[in-house]
Amino acid sequence: MRLTEFWDRMETRFGKVYADSVARDQVIGRLGSRTVHEALAAGESAKDVWRAVCEHFEIPLKDRH
């Protein structure tokens, strides 16, 4: 998954402003207790980060694509 697709999914799910807040402020255990921005900066794949976000926020399987 490209970063542009990741951010499109984040904005679709959370809205543009809230998506940035989630990525900046929410610490996610599956990401090593890091935020989305920290995990991406550390080299985590966008696909793995998206999966972690989906699990953390309990996004239904049908809405994860």
C-alpha atoms as a PDB file:
ATOM      1  CA  MET A   1       0.000   0.000   0.000  1.00  0.00           C
ATOM      2  CA  ARG A   2       1.305   3.435  -0.903  1.00  0.00           C
ATOM      3  CA  LEU A   3       1.255   6.244   1.616  1.00  0.00           C
ATOM      4  CA  THR A   4      -1.251   8.154  -0.509  1.00  0.00           C
ATOM      5  CA  GLU A   5      -3.682   5.232  -0.290  1.00  0.00           C
ATOM      6  CA  PHE A   6      -3.079   4.970   3.459  1.00  0.00           C
ATOM      7  CA  TRP A   7      -3.890   8.660   3.996  1.00  0.00           C
ATOM      8  CA  ASP A   8      -6.924   8.409   1.704  1.00  0.00           C
ATOM      9  CA  ARG A   9      -8.232   5.558   3.858  1.00  0.00           C
ATOM     10  CA  MET A  10      -7.528   7.457   7.067  1.00  0.00           C
ATOM     11  CA  GLU A  11      -9.353  10.544   5.781  1.00  0.00           C
ATOM     12  CA  THR A  12     -12.282   8.488   4.494  1.00  0.00           C
ATOM     13  CA  ARG A  13     -12.639   6.731   7.828  1.00  0.00           C
ATOM     14  CA  PHE A  14     -12.002   9.606  10.249  1.00  0.00           C
ATOM     15  CA  GLY A  15     -12.389  12.798   8.214  1.00  0.00           C
ATOM     16  CA  LYS A  16      -9.484  14.983   7.137  1.00  0.00           C
ATOM     17  CA  VAL A  17      -8.917  16.899  10.384  1.00  0.00           C
ATOM     18  CA  TYR A  18      -9.566  14.018  12.770  1.00  0.00           C
ATOM     19  CA  ALA A  19      -7.397  11.629  10.720  1.00  0.00           C
ATOM     20  CA  ASP A  20      -4.375  13.839  11.353  1.00  0.00           C
ATOM     21  CA  SER A  21      -5.237  14.042  15.051  1.00  0.00           C
ATOM     22  CA  VAL A  22      -5.534  10.259  15.283  1.00  0.00           C
ATOM     23  CA  ALA A  23      -2.206   9.826  13.487  1.00  0.00           C
ATOM     24  CA  ARG A  24      -0.455  12.385  15.682  1.00  0.00           C
ATOM     25  CA  ASP A  25      -1.959  11.706  19.108  1.00  0.00           C
ATOM     26  CA  GLN A  26      -3.222   8.120  19.378  1.00  0.00           C
ATOM     27  CA  VAL A  27      -0.647   5.661  20.743  1.00  0.00           C
ATOM     28  CA  ILE A  28      -1.310   2.183  19.343  1.00  0.00           C
ATOM     29  CA  GLY A  29       0.037  -0.880  21.119  1.00  0.00           C
ATOM     30  CA  ARG A  30       0.416  -2.970  17.964  1.00  0.00           C
ATOM     31  CA  LEU A  31       2.712  -0.267  16.614  1.00  0.00           C
ATOM     32  CA  GLY A  32       5.076  -0.689  19.550  1.00  0.00           C
ATOM     33  CA  SER A  33       3.196   1.899  21.595  1.00  0.00           C
ATOM     34  CA  ARG A  34       3.884   4.532  18.950  1.00  0.00           C
ATOM     35  CA  THR A  35       1.674   6.881  17.006  1.00  0.00           C
ATOM     36  CA  VAL A  36       0.955   6.412  13.298  1.00  0.00           C
ATOM     37  CA  HIS A  37       3.402   9.188  12.428  1.00  0.00           C
ATOM     38  CA  GLU A  38       6.122   7.636  14.601  1.00  0.00           C
ATOM     39  CA  ALA A  39       5.583   4.167  13.151  1.00  0.00           C
ATOM     40  CA  LEU A  40       5.689   5.408   9.556  1.00  0.00           C
ATOM     41  CA  ALA A  41       8.792   7.502  10.273  1.00  0.00           C
ATOM     42  CA  ALA A  42      10.454   4.413  11.755  1.00  0.00           C
ATOM     43  CA  GLY A  43       9.884   2.520   8.510  1.00  0.00           C
ATOM     44  CA  GLU A  44       6.757   0.486   9.272  1.00  0.00           C
ATOM     45  CA  SER A  45       4.835  -0.315   6.114  1.00  0.00           C
ATOM     46  CA  ALA A  46       1.679   1.668   5.464  1.00  0.00           C
ATOM     47  CA  LYS A  47      -0.217  -1.614   5.117  1.00  0.00           C
ATOM     48  CA  ASP A  48       0.850  -2.814   8.576  1.00  0.00           C
ATOM     49  CA  VAL A  49       0.055   0.565  10.101  1.00  0.00           C
ATOM     50  CA  TRP A  50      -3.413   0.538   8.487  1.00  0.00           C
ATOM     51  CA  ARG A  51      -4.059  -2.944   9.897  1.00  0.00           C
ATOM     52  CA  ALA A  52      -3.031  -1.755  13.356  1.00  0.00           C
ATOM     53  CA  VAL A  53      -5.321   1.276  13.103  1.00  0.00           C
ATOM     54  CA  CYS A  54      -8.206  -0.965  12.009  1.00  0.00           C
ATOM     55  CA  GLU A  55      -7.695  -3.324  14.931  1.00  0.00           C
ATOM     56  CA  HIS A  56      -7.226  -0.530  17.450  1.00  0.00           C
ATOM     57  CA  PHE A  57     -10.413   1.261  16.424  1.00  0.00           C
ATOM     58  CA  GLU A  58     -12.307  -1.994  15.786  1.00  0.00           C
ATOM     59  CA  ILE A  59     -13.125  -1.029  12.218  1.00  0.00           C
ATOM     60  CA  PRO A  60     -15.420  -3.687  10.726  1.00  0.00           C
ATOM     61  CA  LEU A  61     -13.757  -5.994   8.208  1.00  0.00           C
ATOM     62  CA  LYS A  62     -16.043  -4.782   5.423  1.00  0.00           C
ATOM     63  CA  ASP A  63     -14.769  -1.207   5.920  1.00  0.00           C
ATOM     64  CA  ARG A  64     -11.057  -1.970   5.941  1.00  0.00           C
ATOM     65  CA  HIS A  65     -10.550  -1.893   2.161  1.00  0.00           C
END
